[in-house]
N, C-alpha and C. Protein backbone atom coordinates (compact mmCIF):
# COMPACT_ATOMS: atom_id res chain seq x y z
N MET A 1 0.83 -1.19 0.00
CA MET A 1 0.00 0.00 0.00
C MET A 1 0.87 1.25 0.00
N PHE A 2 1.87 1.29 0.82
CA PHE A 2 2.78 2.43 0.87
C PHE A 2 4.01 2.08 0.06
N LYS A 3 4.57 3.11 -0.56
CA LYS A 3 5.81 2.89 -1.29
C LYS A 3 6.96 2.78 -0.31
N GLU A 4 8.05 2.30 -0.82
CA GLU A 4 9.23 2.18 0.04
C GLU A 4 9.64 3.59 0.48
N GLY A 5 9.93 3.76 1.71
CA GLY A 5 10.28 5.08 2.23
C GLY A 5 9.19 5.63 3.13
N PHE A 6 7.98 5.09 3.04
CA PHE A 6 6.90 5.53 3.88
C PHE A 6 6.63 4.47 4.95
N GLU A 7 7.61 4.17 5.73
CA GLU A 7 7.47 3.14 6.75
C GLU A 7 7.22 3.79 8.10
N PHE A 8 6.40 3.15 8.87
CA PHE A 8 6.15 3.60 10.23
C PHE A 8 6.88 2.66 11.18
N GLN A 9 7.46 3.22 12.19
CA GLN A 9 8.07 2.42 13.24
C GLN A 9 7.25 2.62 14.50
N VAL A 10 6.67 1.58 14.97
CA VAL A 10 5.82 1.68 16.16
C VAL A 10 6.55 1.00 17.30
N SER A 11 6.64 1.72 18.40
CA SER A 11 7.26 1.13 19.59
C SER A 11 6.42 1.53 20.79
N VAL A 12 6.30 0.65 21.69
CA VAL A 12 5.53 0.90 22.90
C VAL A 12 6.51 1.08 24.04
N SER A 13 6.31 2.16 24.77
CA SER A 13 7.22 2.46 25.87
C SER A 13 6.42 3.05 27.01
N SER A 14 6.86 2.81 28.22
CA SER A 14 6.19 3.40 29.38
C SER A 14 6.74 4.79 29.67
N ASP A 15 7.85 5.14 29.03
CA ASP A 15 8.45 6.46 29.24
C ASP A 15 7.72 7.48 28.36
N PRO A 16 7.09 8.51 28.98
CA PRO A 16 6.34 9.49 28.17
C PRO A 16 7.24 10.38 27.31
N SER A 17 8.54 10.41 27.55
CA SER A 17 9.41 11.28 26.76
C SER A 17 9.75 10.69 25.40
N THR A 18 9.57 9.40 25.24
CA THR A 18 9.85 8.79 23.93
C THR A 18 8.56 8.75 23.12
N PRO A 19 8.66 9.02 21.83
CA PRO A 19 7.45 9.04 21.01
C PRO A 19 6.89 7.64 20.82
N CYS A 20 5.59 7.58 20.62
CA CYS A 20 4.93 6.29 20.41
C CYS A 20 5.26 5.73 19.03
N PHE A 21 5.41 6.60 18.05
CA PHE A 21 5.80 6.10 16.73
C PHE A 21 6.73 7.12 16.08
N ARG A 22 7.53 6.64 15.16
CA ARG A 22 8.45 7.51 14.43
C ARG A 22 8.25 7.26 12.94
N LEU A 23 8.35 8.32 12.18
CA LEU A 23 8.28 8.21 10.73
C LEU A 23 9.68 7.99 10.18
N ASN A 24 9.73 7.48 9.01
CA ASN A 24 11.00 7.36 8.30
C ASN A 24 11.63 8.74 8.22
N PRO A 25 12.95 8.88 8.32
CA PRO A 25 13.59 10.20 8.27
C PRO A 25 13.24 11.00 7.00
N TYR A 26 13.07 10.34 5.86
CA TYR A 26 12.71 11.05 4.63
C TYR A 26 11.31 11.65 4.74
N VAL A 27 10.40 10.90 5.34
CA VAL A 27 9.04 11.36 5.51
C VAL A 27 9.00 12.50 6.52
N GLU A 28 9.76 12.38 7.61
CA GLU A 28 9.82 13.46 8.60
C GLU A 28 10.31 14.74 7.95
N ASP A 29 11.33 14.63 7.12
CA ASP A 29 11.88 15.80 6.43
C ASP A 29 10.82 16.44 5.53
N ALA A 30 10.05 15.62 4.82
CA ALA A 30 9.01 16.14 3.93
C ALA A 30 7.90 16.82 4.71
N VAL A 31 7.53 16.24 5.86
CA VAL A 31 6.48 16.83 6.69
C VAL A 31 6.93 18.17 7.24
N ILE A 32 8.18 18.26 7.63
CA ILE A 32 8.70 19.51 8.17
C ILE A 32 8.77 20.57 7.08
N ARG A 33 9.15 20.19 5.87
CA ARG A 33 9.30 21.15 4.78
C ARG A 33 8.00 21.44 4.04
N TYR A 34 6.94 20.72 4.30
CA TYR A 34 5.69 20.86 3.57
C TYR A 34 5.14 22.29 3.58
N PRO A 35 5.03 22.97 4.72
CA PRO A 35 4.50 24.35 4.70
C PRO A 35 5.35 25.29 3.84
N ALA A 36 6.66 25.16 3.90
CA ALA A 36 7.52 26.02 3.08
C ALA A 36 7.32 25.71 1.60
N LEU A 37 7.16 24.43 1.28
CA LEU A 37 6.94 24.03 -0.10
C LEU A 37 5.62 24.59 -0.62
N VAL A 38 4.57 24.49 0.16
CA VAL A 38 3.27 25.02 -0.23
C VAL A 38 3.34 26.53 -0.40
N ASN A 39 4.03 27.21 0.50
CA ASN A 39 4.16 28.65 0.43
C ASN A 39 4.89 29.07 -0.85
N SER A 40 5.98 28.40 -1.17
CA SER A 40 6.73 28.76 -2.38
C SER A 40 5.95 28.42 -3.64
N MET A 41 5.20 27.32 -3.62
CA MET A 41 4.38 26.98 -4.78
C MET A 41 3.26 27.98 -4.97
N THR A 42 2.68 28.47 -3.88
CA THR A 42 1.65 29.48 -3.96
C THR A 42 2.20 30.76 -4.58
N LYS A 43 3.40 31.14 -4.17
CA LYS A 43 4.03 32.33 -4.75
C LYS A 43 4.30 32.12 -6.23
N ALA A 44 4.78 30.95 -6.60
CA ALA A 44 5.08 30.67 -8.01
C ALA A 44 3.82 30.70 -8.86
N ILE A 45 2.74 30.15 -8.34
CA ILE A 45 1.47 30.17 -9.08
C ILE A 45 0.95 31.59 -9.20
N THR A 46 1.08 32.39 -8.16
CA THR A 46 0.65 33.78 -8.21
C THR A 46 1.45 34.57 -9.25
N VAL A 47 2.75 34.40 -9.27
CA VAL A 47 3.59 35.09 -10.26
C VAL A 47 3.21 34.64 -11.66
N ALA A 48 3.00 33.36 -11.86
CA ALA A 48 2.61 32.85 -13.17
C ALA A 48 1.27 33.43 -13.61
N ALA A 49 0.33 33.56 -12.68
CA ALA A 49 -0.98 34.14 -13.00
C ALA A 49 -0.85 35.60 -13.41
N TYR A 50 -0.01 36.36 -12.70
CA TYR A 50 0.20 37.76 -13.06
C TYR A 50 0.86 37.88 -14.43
N LEU A 51 1.83 37.04 -14.71
CA LEU A 51 2.49 37.07 -16.02
C LEU A 51 1.52 36.71 -17.13
N LEU A 52 0.67 35.73 -16.89
CA LEU A 52 -0.32 35.34 -17.88
C LEU A 52 -1.31 36.47 -18.12
N ALA A 53 -1.77 37.10 -17.05
CA ALA A 53 -2.71 38.21 -17.20
C ALA A 53 -2.08 39.37 -17.96
N ALA A 54 -0.83 39.68 -17.66
CA ALA A 54 -0.15 40.77 -18.36
C ALA A 54 0.05 40.43 -19.83
N SER A 55 0.41 39.19 -20.12
CA SER A 55 0.60 38.82 -21.52
C SER A 55 -0.72 38.83 -22.28
N LEU A 56 -1.81 38.45 -21.62
CA LEU A 56 -3.11 38.51 -22.28
C LEU A 56 -3.55 39.94 -22.51
N ALA A 57 -3.22 40.82 -21.57
CA ALA A 57 -3.58 42.22 -21.74
C ALA A 57 -2.86 42.84 -22.92
N TYR A 58 -1.58 42.52 -23.07
CA TYR A 58 -0.81 43.11 -24.16
C TYR A 58 -0.91 42.30 -25.44
N ALA A 59 -1.29 41.08 -25.36
CA ALA A 59 -1.40 40.25 -26.56
C ALA A 59 -2.81 40.26 -27.11
N SER A 60 -3.63 41.12 -26.58
CA SER A 60 -4.99 41.17 -27.07
C SER A 60 -5.02 41.71 -28.49
N SER A 61 -6.18 41.70 -29.08
CA SER A 61 -6.32 42.14 -30.45
C SER A 61 -6.04 43.64 -30.57
N CYS A 62 -6.12 44.11 -31.77
CA CYS A 62 -5.80 45.51 -32.09
C CYS A 62 -6.65 46.47 -31.25
N PRO A 63 -6.04 47.44 -30.59
CA PRO A 63 -6.81 48.38 -29.78
C PRO A 63 -7.57 49.42 -30.60
N VAL A 64 -7.27 49.50 -31.90
CA VAL A 64 -7.92 50.48 -32.77
C VAL A 64 -8.75 49.74 -33.81
N MET A 65 -10.04 50.01 -33.82
CA MET A 65 -10.92 49.40 -34.82
C MET A 65 -11.33 50.48 -35.81
N LEU A 66 -10.87 50.34 -37.05
CA LEU A 66 -11.24 51.28 -38.10
C LEU A 66 -12.69 51.01 -38.50
N VAL A 67 -13.55 52.02 -38.35
CA VAL A 67 -14.98 51.84 -38.59
C VAL A 67 -15.35 52.21 -40.02
N SER A 68 -14.99 53.42 -40.44
CA SER A 68 -15.36 53.87 -41.78
C SER A 68 -14.40 54.95 -42.25
N GLY A 69 -14.45 55.20 -43.53
CA GLY A 69 -13.64 56.26 -44.12
C GLY A 69 -14.27 56.75 -45.40
N MET A 70 -14.12 58.04 -45.66
CA MET A 70 -14.63 58.61 -46.90
C MET A 70 -13.78 59.81 -47.29
N ARG A 71 -13.95 60.22 -48.52
CA ARG A 71 -13.21 61.37 -49.02
C ARG A 71 -13.95 62.65 -48.68
N ASP A 72 -13.16 63.65 -48.40
CA ASP A 72 -13.65 65.00 -48.19
C ASP A 72 -13.24 65.79 -49.43
N VAL A 73 -13.56 67.07 -49.47
CA VAL A 73 -13.20 67.89 -50.62
C VAL A 73 -11.68 67.89 -50.84
N ASP A 74 -10.91 68.05 -49.79
CA ASP A 74 -9.45 68.08 -49.95
C ASP A 74 -8.74 67.16 -48.95
N GLY A 75 -9.38 66.08 -48.59
CA GLY A 75 -8.75 65.16 -47.65
C GLY A 75 -9.57 63.90 -47.46
N ILE A 76 -9.23 63.17 -46.41
CA ILE A 76 -9.99 61.97 -46.06
C ILE A 76 -10.50 62.09 -44.63
N VAL A 77 -11.61 61.45 -44.37
CA VAL A 77 -12.21 61.42 -43.04
C VAL A 77 -12.22 59.96 -42.58
N VAL A 78 -11.59 59.71 -41.43
CA VAL A 78 -11.47 58.35 -40.89
C VAL A 78 -12.18 58.29 -39.54
N THR A 79 -13.06 57.32 -39.39
CA THR A 79 -13.75 57.10 -38.12
C THR A 79 -13.23 55.79 -37.53
N PHE A 80 -12.85 55.84 -36.26
CA PHE A 80 -12.32 54.65 -35.58
C PHE A 80 -12.87 54.58 -34.17
N ARG A 81 -12.70 53.41 -33.55
CA ARG A 81 -13.13 53.19 -32.17
C ARG A 81 -11.95 52.64 -31.38
N ASN A 82 -11.78 53.12 -30.16
CA ASN A 82 -10.78 52.55 -29.26
C ASN A 82 -11.39 51.27 -28.70
N ALA A 83 -10.92 50.13 -29.22
CA ALA A 83 -11.45 48.83 -28.80
C ALA A 83 -10.66 48.22 -27.65
N GLY A 84 -9.65 48.93 -27.17
CA GLY A 84 -8.83 48.42 -26.07
C GLY A 84 -9.44 48.73 -24.72
N LYS A 85 -8.66 48.46 -23.68
CA LYS A 85 -9.12 48.71 -22.32
C LYS A 85 -8.47 49.94 -21.70
N LEU A 86 -7.47 50.49 -22.38
CA LEU A 86 -6.77 51.67 -21.88
C LEU A 86 -6.93 52.82 -22.87
N PRO A 87 -6.86 54.06 -22.39
CA PRO A 87 -6.88 55.19 -23.31
C PRO A 87 -5.65 55.18 -24.22
N ILE A 88 -5.83 55.69 -25.43
CA ILE A 88 -4.73 55.82 -26.38
C ILE A 88 -4.28 57.27 -26.35
N ARG A 89 -2.97 57.47 -26.21
CA ARG A 89 -2.48 58.85 -26.14
C ARG A 89 -1.71 59.28 -27.38
N ASP A 90 -1.34 58.34 -28.24
CA ASP A 90 -0.65 58.68 -29.49
C ASP A 90 -1.05 57.64 -30.53
N LEU A 91 -1.47 58.10 -31.70
CA LEU A 91 -1.98 57.19 -32.72
C LEU A 91 -1.40 57.57 -34.07
N GLU A 92 -0.90 56.57 -34.79
CA GLU A 92 -0.32 56.82 -36.10
C GLU A 92 -0.86 55.79 -37.09
N PHE A 93 -1.30 56.30 -38.24
CA PHE A 93 -1.82 55.46 -39.31
C PHE A 93 -0.86 55.43 -40.48
N ASN A 94 -0.89 54.35 -41.25
CA ASN A 94 -0.26 54.31 -42.57
C ASN A 94 -1.33 54.74 -43.55
N CYS A 95 -1.15 55.89 -44.17
CA CYS A 95 -2.09 56.38 -45.17
C CYS A 95 -1.36 56.43 -46.50
N SER A 96 -1.87 55.75 -47.49
CA SER A 96 -1.20 55.77 -48.80
C SER A 96 -2.24 55.92 -49.90
N LEU A 97 -1.89 56.78 -50.85
CA LEU A 97 -2.74 57.04 -52.00
C LEU A 97 -2.20 56.22 -53.16
N ALA A 98 -3.00 55.30 -53.65
CA ALA A 98 -2.57 54.44 -54.76
C ALA A 98 -2.97 55.10 -56.07
N ARG A 99 -1.99 55.26 -56.93
CA ARG A 99 -2.25 55.80 -58.27
C ARG A 99 -1.92 54.73 -59.29
N ALA A 100 -2.54 54.83 -60.43
CA ALA A 100 -2.45 53.76 -61.43
C ALA A 100 -1.02 53.44 -61.86
N ALA A 101 -0.27 54.41 -62.33
CA ALA A 101 1.05 54.13 -62.92
C ALA A 101 2.21 54.50 -62.00
N GLN A 102 1.93 54.87 -60.77
CA GLN A 102 2.98 55.33 -59.87
C GLN A 102 2.97 54.50 -58.58
N PRO A 103 4.09 54.51 -57.87
CA PRO A 103 4.08 53.83 -56.56
C PRO A 103 3.18 54.59 -55.58
N PRO A 104 2.68 53.91 -54.57
CA PRO A 104 1.79 54.57 -53.61
C PRO A 104 2.47 55.77 -52.94
N GLN A 105 1.71 56.84 -52.78
CA GLN A 105 2.22 58.05 -52.13
C GLN A 105 1.77 58.03 -50.67
N ARG A 106 2.74 58.07 -49.76
CA ARG A 106 2.45 58.03 -48.32
C ARG A 106 2.14 59.44 -47.81
N MET A 107 1.20 59.49 -46.88
CA MET A 107 0.82 60.76 -46.26
C MET A 107 1.01 60.64 -44.75
N ALA A 108 1.22 61.77 -44.12
CA ALA A 108 1.37 61.79 -42.65
C ALA A 108 -0.02 61.78 -42.02
N CYS A 109 -0.31 60.73 -41.29
CA CYS A 109 -1.59 60.60 -40.58
C CYS A 109 -1.26 60.24 -39.13
N ARG A 110 -1.10 61.25 -38.30
CA ARG A 110 -0.69 61.00 -36.92
C ARG A 110 -1.39 61.96 -35.97
N GLU A 111 -1.74 61.43 -34.81
CA GLU A 111 -2.33 62.23 -33.74
C GLU A 111 -1.42 62.14 -32.53
N LYS A 112 -0.66 63.21 -32.29
CA LYS A 112 0.24 63.25 -31.14
C LYS A 112 -0.49 63.87 -29.95
N ASN A 113 -0.10 63.44 -28.77
CA ASN A 113 -0.65 63.97 -27.52
C ASN A 113 -2.18 64.01 -27.52
N ALA A 114 -2.78 62.96 -28.00
CA ALA A 114 -4.24 62.86 -28.01
C ALA A 114 -4.68 62.04 -26.79
N LEU A 115 -5.96 61.95 -26.61
CA LEU A 115 -6.50 61.12 -25.54
C LEU A 115 -7.81 60.52 -26.04
N PHE A 116 -7.73 59.27 -26.47
CA PHE A 116 -8.88 58.56 -27.00
C PHE A 116 -9.30 57.51 -25.97
N TYR A 117 -10.48 57.70 -25.40
CA TYR A 117 -10.96 56.81 -24.33
C TYR A 117 -11.51 55.50 -24.89
N PRO A 118 -11.43 54.42 -24.12
CA PRO A 118 -11.93 53.11 -24.57
C PRO A 118 -13.43 53.14 -24.84
N GLY A 119 -13.83 52.43 -25.90
CA GLY A 119 -15.24 52.30 -26.24
C GLY A 119 -15.84 53.45 -27.01
N MET A 120 -15.11 54.52 -27.19
CA MET A 120 -15.63 55.71 -27.87
C MET A 120 -15.24 55.69 -29.35
N GLU A 121 -16.11 56.28 -30.19
CA GLU A 121 -15.80 56.45 -31.61
C GLU A 121 -15.30 57.86 -31.83
N TYR A 122 -14.30 57.98 -32.68
CA TYR A 122 -13.70 59.28 -32.98
C TYR A 122 -13.59 59.43 -34.49
N THR A 123 -13.71 60.67 -34.97
CA THR A 123 -13.57 60.97 -36.39
C THR A 123 -12.42 61.94 -36.56
N LEU A 124 -11.50 61.58 -37.45
CA LEU A 124 -10.32 62.40 -37.72
C LEU A 124 -10.31 62.77 -39.20
N ARG A 125 -9.75 63.93 -39.49
CA ARG A 125 -9.65 64.39 -40.87
C ARG A 125 -8.20 64.65 -41.18
N TYR A 126 -7.75 64.14 -42.33
CA TYR A 126 -6.38 64.34 -42.78
C TYR A 126 -6.39 64.93 -44.19
N PRO A 127 -5.62 65.99 -44.40
CA PRO A 127 -5.53 66.54 -45.76
C PRO A 127 -4.74 65.59 -46.66
N GLN A 128 -5.08 65.58 -47.91
CA GLN A 128 -4.35 64.74 -48.87
C GLN A 128 -4.27 65.47 -50.20
N PRO A 129 -3.24 65.17 -50.96
CA PRO A 129 -3.17 65.79 -52.29
C PRO A 129 -4.27 65.23 -53.17
N ARG A 130 -4.66 66.03 -54.12
CA ARG A 130 -5.71 65.59 -55.04
C ARG A 130 -5.25 64.36 -55.80
N GLY A 131 -6.11 63.44 -55.94
CA GLY A 131 -5.78 62.22 -56.67
C GLY A 131 -7.03 61.40 -56.88
N THR A 132 -6.96 60.52 -57.83
CA THR A 132 -8.13 59.72 -58.15
C THR A 132 -7.99 58.28 -57.67
N GLY A 133 -6.87 57.96 -57.08
CA GLY A 133 -6.65 56.58 -56.64
C GLY A 133 -7.32 56.26 -55.32
N GLN A 134 -7.23 55.01 -54.97
CA GLN A 134 -7.79 54.53 -53.72
C GLN A 134 -6.84 54.85 -52.56
N VAL A 135 -7.39 55.27 -51.43
CA VAL A 135 -6.59 55.56 -50.24
C VAL A 135 -6.71 54.36 -49.30
N THR A 136 -5.56 53.86 -48.85
CA THR A 136 -5.52 52.74 -47.91
C THR A 136 -5.06 53.27 -46.56
N VAL A 137 -5.82 52.97 -45.52
CA VAL A 137 -5.50 53.42 -44.16
C VAL A 137 -5.37 52.17 -43.29
N SER A 138 -4.26 52.09 -42.56
CA SER A 138 -4.05 51.00 -41.61
C SER A 138 -3.34 51.54 -40.38
N VAL A 139 -3.43 50.83 -39.28
CA VAL A 139 -2.81 51.26 -38.03
C VAL A 139 -1.31 50.97 -38.10
N LYS A 140 -0.51 52.01 -37.84
CA LYS A 140 0.95 51.84 -37.79
C LYS A 140 1.40 51.60 -36.35
N SER A 141 0.90 52.44 -35.43
CA SER A 141 1.23 52.26 -34.01
C SER A 141 0.20 52.99 -33.16
N ALA A 142 0.05 52.51 -31.94
CA ALA A 142 -0.84 53.13 -30.96
C ALA A 142 -0.14 53.06 -29.61
N THR A 143 0.10 54.23 -29.01
CA THR A 143 0.72 54.28 -27.69
C THR A 143 -0.38 54.39 -26.65
N LEU A 144 -0.43 53.41 -25.76
CA LEU A 144 -1.46 53.39 -24.73
C LEU A 144 -1.06 54.26 -23.55
N SER A 145 -2.00 54.50 -22.65
CA SER A 145 -1.75 55.41 -21.53
C SER A 145 -0.70 54.88 -20.56
N ASP A 146 -0.45 53.57 -20.55
CA ASP A 146 0.58 53.02 -19.66
C ASP A 146 1.96 53.00 -20.32
N GLY A 147 2.07 53.54 -21.54
CA GLY A 147 3.36 53.62 -22.22
C GLY A 147 3.62 52.50 -23.21
N TYR A 148 2.79 51.47 -23.21
CA TYR A 148 2.99 50.35 -24.14
C TYR A 148 2.68 50.81 -25.57
N VAL A 149 3.55 50.49 -26.51
CA VAL A 149 3.35 50.85 -27.91
C VAL A 149 2.91 49.60 -28.66
N PHE A 150 1.68 49.63 -29.15
CA PHE A 150 1.16 48.51 -29.94
C PHE A 150 1.51 48.73 -31.40
N ARG A 151 2.10 47.71 -32.01
CA ARG A 151 2.38 47.72 -33.45
C ARG A 151 1.79 46.43 -34.02
N PRO A 152 0.99 46.54 -35.06
CA PRO A 152 0.40 45.33 -35.64
C PRO A 152 1.47 44.37 -36.16
N SER A 153 1.16 43.09 -36.08
CA SER A 153 2.03 42.05 -36.59
C SER A 153 1.15 40.99 -37.25
N LYS A 154 1.77 39.92 -37.71
CA LYS A 154 0.97 38.85 -38.32
C LYS A 154 0.04 38.21 -37.30
N ARG A 155 0.53 38.06 -36.06
CA ARG A 155 -0.30 37.47 -35.00
C ARG A 155 -1.36 38.43 -34.48
N GLN A 156 -1.03 39.71 -34.46
CA GLN A 156 -1.93 40.73 -33.93
C GLN A 156 -2.19 41.77 -35.01
N SER A 157 -3.01 41.42 -35.96
CA SER A 157 -3.25 42.32 -37.08
C SER A 157 -4.42 43.25 -36.78
N CYS A 158 -4.45 44.34 -37.52
CA CYS A 158 -5.54 45.30 -37.43
C CYS A 158 -6.23 45.39 -38.79
N ARG A 159 -7.45 45.84 -38.76
CA ARG A 159 -8.22 45.98 -39.99
C ARG A 159 -7.62 47.07 -40.86
N THR A 160 -7.66 46.86 -42.17
CA THR A 160 -7.22 47.86 -43.14
C THR A 160 -8.46 48.47 -43.77
N LEU A 161 -8.44 49.78 -43.94
CA LEU A 161 -9.58 50.50 -44.49
C LEU A 161 -9.20 51.00 -45.88
N ARG A 162 -10.04 50.71 -46.87
CA ARG A 162 -9.81 51.19 -48.23
C ARG A 162 -10.90 52.19 -48.58
N ILE A 163 -10.47 53.39 -48.93
CA ILE A 163 -11.42 54.45 -49.28
C ILE A 163 -11.35 54.63 -50.79
N SER A 164 -12.46 54.29 -51.47
CA SER A 164 -12.46 54.38 -52.93
C SER A 164 -12.74 55.81 -53.39
N PRO A 165 -12.33 56.11 -54.62
CA PRO A 165 -12.49 57.47 -55.13
C PRO A 165 -13.95 57.91 -55.23
N GLY A 166 -14.88 56.98 -55.38
CA GLY A 166 -16.28 57.36 -55.54
C GLY A 166 -16.94 57.87 -54.28
N ARG A 167 -16.42 57.51 -53.12
CA ARG A 167 -17.05 57.91 -51.85
C ARG A 167 -16.52 59.28 -51.45
N THR A 168 -17.25 60.33 -51.77
CA THR A 168 -16.81 61.70 -51.47
C THR A 168 -17.85 62.37 -50.59
N LYS A 169 -17.38 63.02 -49.56
CA LYS A 169 -18.24 63.79 -48.66
C LYS A 169 -18.00 65.27 -48.97
N LYS A 170 -19.06 65.99 -49.24
CA LYS A 170 -18.90 67.42 -49.58
C LYS A 170 -19.46 68.31 -48.51
């Protein structure tokens, strides 16, 4: 029933100073160290849980959800939602105007020192040179309020928004 090493030694004595039974020295050592072992395992599990929670918080999906986009008279209008759990304080988009016979022309689409609260929709306007091509908008980076900089990757991709030339807001 018991494995080797878990032996009990039972002795009967009339002297009250001697114990009635003794455990194997290995078992005694384990019993003495058990509270310390449980304490250290509890700490290890707690640390692992915190690390897992932090990795899930930062490994979550894209904090910026591109909702819609359309052309304005001399620019583009982009509507997005902060889909994360923290406010965004700096946001940068990749904005490129695709023309038929030329390479895409990149435009500066950045909001510095902004404050975009979670769950809210925001509309931004960016000027662009006149052109008839399609404008592609994607998230380049988003700096959250805790200082973490989110950059899309293959594992954590963000939606790309394509604004066609026909959609014009006047």
